Amino acid sequence: MTKLEQIEKTVAELDSAEFEAFSAWFESLQAKRWDSQIEADSTSGKLDRFGEKALADFRNGKTKRL
């Protein structure tokens, strides 16, 4: 049995309270990893082209007020 299969089996066997706690923990872990990835992408310049495109669209009148 693989590590993932063991985790899936264990999670499937959790009672309601344990599953709630696990779900909350897992959502928090996902959010932290997402934040870390966004920060790394921002720091490395991977997101610069999106900002440049947005500014160019704004300067060229391709945007509207919300």
N, C-alpha and C. Protein backbone atom coordinates (compact mmCIF):
# COMPACT_ATOMS: atom_id res chain seq x y z
N MET A 1 0.86 -1.18 0.00
CA MET A 1 0.00 0.00 0.00
C MET A 1 0.91 1.24 0.00
N THR A 2 0.59 2.18 -0.88
CA THR A 2 1.38 3.41 -0.95
C THR A 2 1.04 4.33 0.21
N LYS A 3 1.89 5.31 0.40
CA LYS A 3 1.66 6.30 1.46
C LYS A 3 0.32 7.01 1.25
N LEU A 4 0.04 7.38 -0.01
CA LEU A 4 -1.22 8.06 -0.32
C LEU A 4 -2.41 7.15 -0.02
N GLU A 5 -2.33 5.91 -0.39
CA GLU A 5 -3.42 4.97 -0.11
C GLU A 5 -3.64 4.82 1.39
N GLN A 6 -2.56 4.81 2.17
CA GLN A 6 -2.68 4.73 3.63
C GLN A 6 -3.39 5.97 4.18
N ILE A 7 -3.01 7.13 3.67
CA ILE A 7 -3.64 8.38 4.11
C ILE A 7 -5.12 8.37 3.76
N GLU A 8 -5.45 7.99 2.52
CA GLU A 8 -6.85 7.95 2.09
C GLU A 8 -7.67 7.02 2.98
N LYS A 9 -7.12 5.85 3.29
CA LYS A 9 -7.82 4.87 4.14
C LYS A 9 -8.03 5.46 5.54
N THR A 10 -7.01 6.07 6.09
CA THR A 10 -7.11 6.65 7.43
C THR A 10 -8.14 7.76 7.47
N VAL A 11 -8.12 8.64 6.48
CA VAL A 11 -9.08 9.76 6.44
C VAL A 11 -10.50 9.22 6.30
N ALA A 12 -10.68 8.22 5.47
CA ALA A 12 -12.02 7.64 5.28
C ALA A 12 -12.57 7.04 6.58
N GLU A 13 -11.69 6.64 7.48
CA GLU A 13 -12.11 6.00 8.72
C GLU A 13 -12.33 6.99 9.87
N LEU A 14 -12.07 8.28 9.66
CA LEU A 14 -12.24 9.27 10.73
C LEU A 14 -13.71 9.44 11.07
N ASP A 15 -13.98 9.67 12.36
CA ASP A 15 -15.36 9.99 12.73
C ASP A 15 -15.62 11.45 12.37
N SER A 16 -16.84 11.91 12.55
CA SER A 16 -17.24 13.26 12.11
C SER A 16 -16.39 14.36 12.73
N ALA A 17 -16.17 14.30 14.02
CA ALA A 17 -15.39 15.33 14.70
C ALA A 17 -13.95 15.34 14.21
N GLU A 18 -13.36 14.15 14.08
CA GLU A 18 -11.99 14.06 13.59
C GLU A 18 -11.89 14.55 12.15
N PHE A 19 -12.89 14.22 11.35
CA PHE A 19 -12.88 14.66 9.95
C PHE A 19 -12.99 16.17 9.86
N GLU A 20 -13.82 16.79 10.71
CA GLU A 20 -13.93 18.26 10.75
C GLU A 20 -12.58 18.88 11.08
N ALA A 21 -11.93 18.34 12.11
CA ALA A 21 -10.62 18.87 12.52
C ALA A 21 -9.59 18.67 11.42
N PHE A 22 -9.60 17.51 10.79
CA PHE A 22 -8.67 17.25 9.70
C PHE A 22 -8.93 18.21 8.54
N SER A 23 -10.18 18.42 8.19
CA SER A 23 -10.53 19.31 7.09
C SER A 23 -10.05 20.73 7.35
N ALA A 24 -10.25 21.21 8.56
CA ALA A 24 -9.81 22.56 8.92
C ALA A 24 -8.29 22.66 8.82
N TRP A 25 -7.60 21.66 9.34
CA TRP A 25 -6.14 21.64 9.28
C TRP A 25 -5.67 21.62 7.82
N PHE A 26 -6.30 20.77 7.00
CA PHE A 26 -5.87 20.63 5.61
C PHE A 26 -6.12 21.92 4.82
N GLU A 27 -7.25 22.56 5.04
CA GLU A 27 -7.52 23.85 4.38
C GLU A 27 -6.48 24.88 4.76
N SER A 28 -6.10 24.91 6.02
CA SER A 28 -5.07 25.84 6.48
C SER A 28 -3.73 25.54 5.82
N LEU A 29 -3.38 24.28 5.72
CA LEU A 29 -2.14 23.87 5.07
C LEU A 29 -2.14 24.28 3.60
N GLN A 30 -3.25 24.05 2.91
CA GLN A 30 -3.35 24.44 1.50
C GLN A 30 -3.18 25.95 1.34
N ALA A 31 -3.81 26.73 2.21
CA ALA A 31 -3.72 28.18 2.14
C ALA A 31 -2.29 28.65 2.36
N LYS A 32 -1.60 28.05 3.33
CA LYS A 32 -0.21 28.43 3.60
C LYS A 32 0.68 28.10 2.41
N ARG A 33 0.48 26.93 1.80
CA ARG A 33 1.29 26.55 0.63
C ARG A 33 0.99 27.46 -0.56
N TRP A 34 -0.27 27.82 -0.74
CA TRP A 34 -0.66 28.73 -1.82
C TRP A 34 0.00 30.09 -1.61
N ASP A 35 -0.09 30.61 -0.39
CA ASP A 35 0.53 31.89 -0.08
C ASP A 35 2.04 31.86 -0.33
N SER A 36 2.68 30.78 0.08
CA SER A 36 4.12 30.64 -0.14
C SER A 36 4.46 30.61 -1.62
N GLN A 37 3.65 29.91 -2.41
CA GLN A 37 3.89 29.83 -3.85
C GLN A 37 3.69 31.19 -4.52
N ILE A 38 2.63 31.89 -4.15
CA ILE A 38 2.38 33.22 -4.71
C ILE A 38 3.53 34.16 -4.34
N GLU A 39 3.98 34.10 -3.09
CA GLU A 39 5.08 34.96 -2.67
C GLU A 39 6.36 34.65 -3.46
N ALA A 40 6.64 33.36 -3.64
CA ALA A 40 7.83 32.96 -4.40
C ALA A 40 7.73 33.42 -5.85
N ASP A 41 6.55 33.25 -6.45
CA ASP A 41 6.35 33.67 -7.84
C ASP A 41 6.49 35.18 -7.97
N SER A 42 5.97 35.90 -7.00
CA SER A 42 6.06 37.36 -7.03
C SER A 42 7.52 37.82 -6.89
N THR A 43 8.22 37.23 -5.94
CA THR A 43 9.61 37.59 -5.70
C THR A 43 10.49 37.27 -6.90
N SER A 44 10.21 36.17 -7.57
CA SER A 44 11.04 35.75 -8.71
C SER A 44 10.71 36.52 -9.99
N GLY A 45 9.61 37.29 -9.97
CA GLY A 45 9.23 38.06 -11.16
C GLY A 45 8.27 37.34 -12.09
N LYS A 46 7.84 36.14 -11.72
CA LYS A 46 6.93 35.38 -12.59
C LYS A 46 5.59 36.09 -12.82
N LEU A 47 5.21 36.97 -11.92
CA LEU A 47 3.91 37.64 -12.04
C LEU A 47 4.02 39.03 -12.68
N ASP A 48 5.24 39.48 -12.94
CA ASP A 48 5.45 40.83 -13.47
C ASP A 48 4.69 41.08 -14.76
N ARG A 49 4.66 40.10 -15.64
CA ARG A 49 3.99 40.31 -16.94
C ARG A 49 2.49 40.58 -16.77
N PHE A 50 1.90 40.00 -15.73
CA PHE A 50 0.47 40.24 -15.51
C PHE A 50 0.23 41.68 -15.05
N GLY A 51 1.10 42.17 -14.18
CA GLY A 51 1.00 43.55 -13.74
C GLY A 51 1.23 44.52 -14.88
N GLU A 52 2.23 44.21 -15.69
CA GLU A 52 2.53 45.07 -16.85
C GLU A 52 1.35 45.10 -17.83
N LYS A 53 0.74 43.96 -18.05
CA LYS A 53 -0.42 43.88 -18.96
C LYS A 53 -1.58 44.70 -18.39
N ALA A 54 -1.84 44.57 -17.10
CA ALA A 54 -2.93 45.32 -16.48
C ALA A 54 -2.69 46.82 -16.58
N LEU A 55 -1.46 47.25 -16.31
CA LEU A 55 -1.15 48.67 -16.41
C LEU A 55 -1.26 49.17 -17.84
N ALA A 56 -0.82 48.37 -18.79
CA ALA A 56 -0.93 48.76 -20.20
C ALA A 56 -2.40 48.89 -20.60
N ASP A 57 -3.23 47.95 -20.18
CA ASP A 57 -4.66 48.01 -20.48
C ASP A 57 -5.27 49.28 -19.86
N PHE A 58 -4.88 49.60 -18.63
CA PHE A 58 -5.38 50.80 -17.97
C PHE A 58 -4.98 52.05 -18.73
N ARG A 59 -3.71 52.12 -19.08
CA ARG A 59 -3.20 53.31 -19.79
C ARG A 59 -3.84 53.47 -21.17
N ASN A 60 -4.23 52.36 -21.78
CA ASN A 60 -4.83 52.39 -23.11
C ASN A 60 -6.36 52.48 -23.07
N GLY A 61 -6.90 52.73 -21.89
CA GLY A 61 -8.34 52.90 -21.76
C GLY A 61 -9.16 51.64 -21.91
N LYS A 62 -8.55 50.49 -21.68
CA LYS A 62 -9.27 49.22 -21.83
C LYS A 62 -9.88 48.73 -20.52
N THR A 63 -9.98 49.61 -19.55
CA THR A 63 -10.56 49.23 -18.26
C THR A 63 -11.74 50.14 -17.96
N LYS A 64 -12.52 49.75 -16.97
CA LYS A 64 -13.65 50.59 -16.55
C LYS A 64 -13.73 50.60 -15.04
N ARG A 65 -14.33 51.64 -14.51
CA ARG A 65 -14.50 51.76 -13.06
C ARG A 65 -15.45 50.68 -12.54
N LEU A 66 -15.16 50.23 -11.38
CA LEU A 66 -16.05 49.24 -10.75
C LEU A 66 -17.12 49.93 -9.94
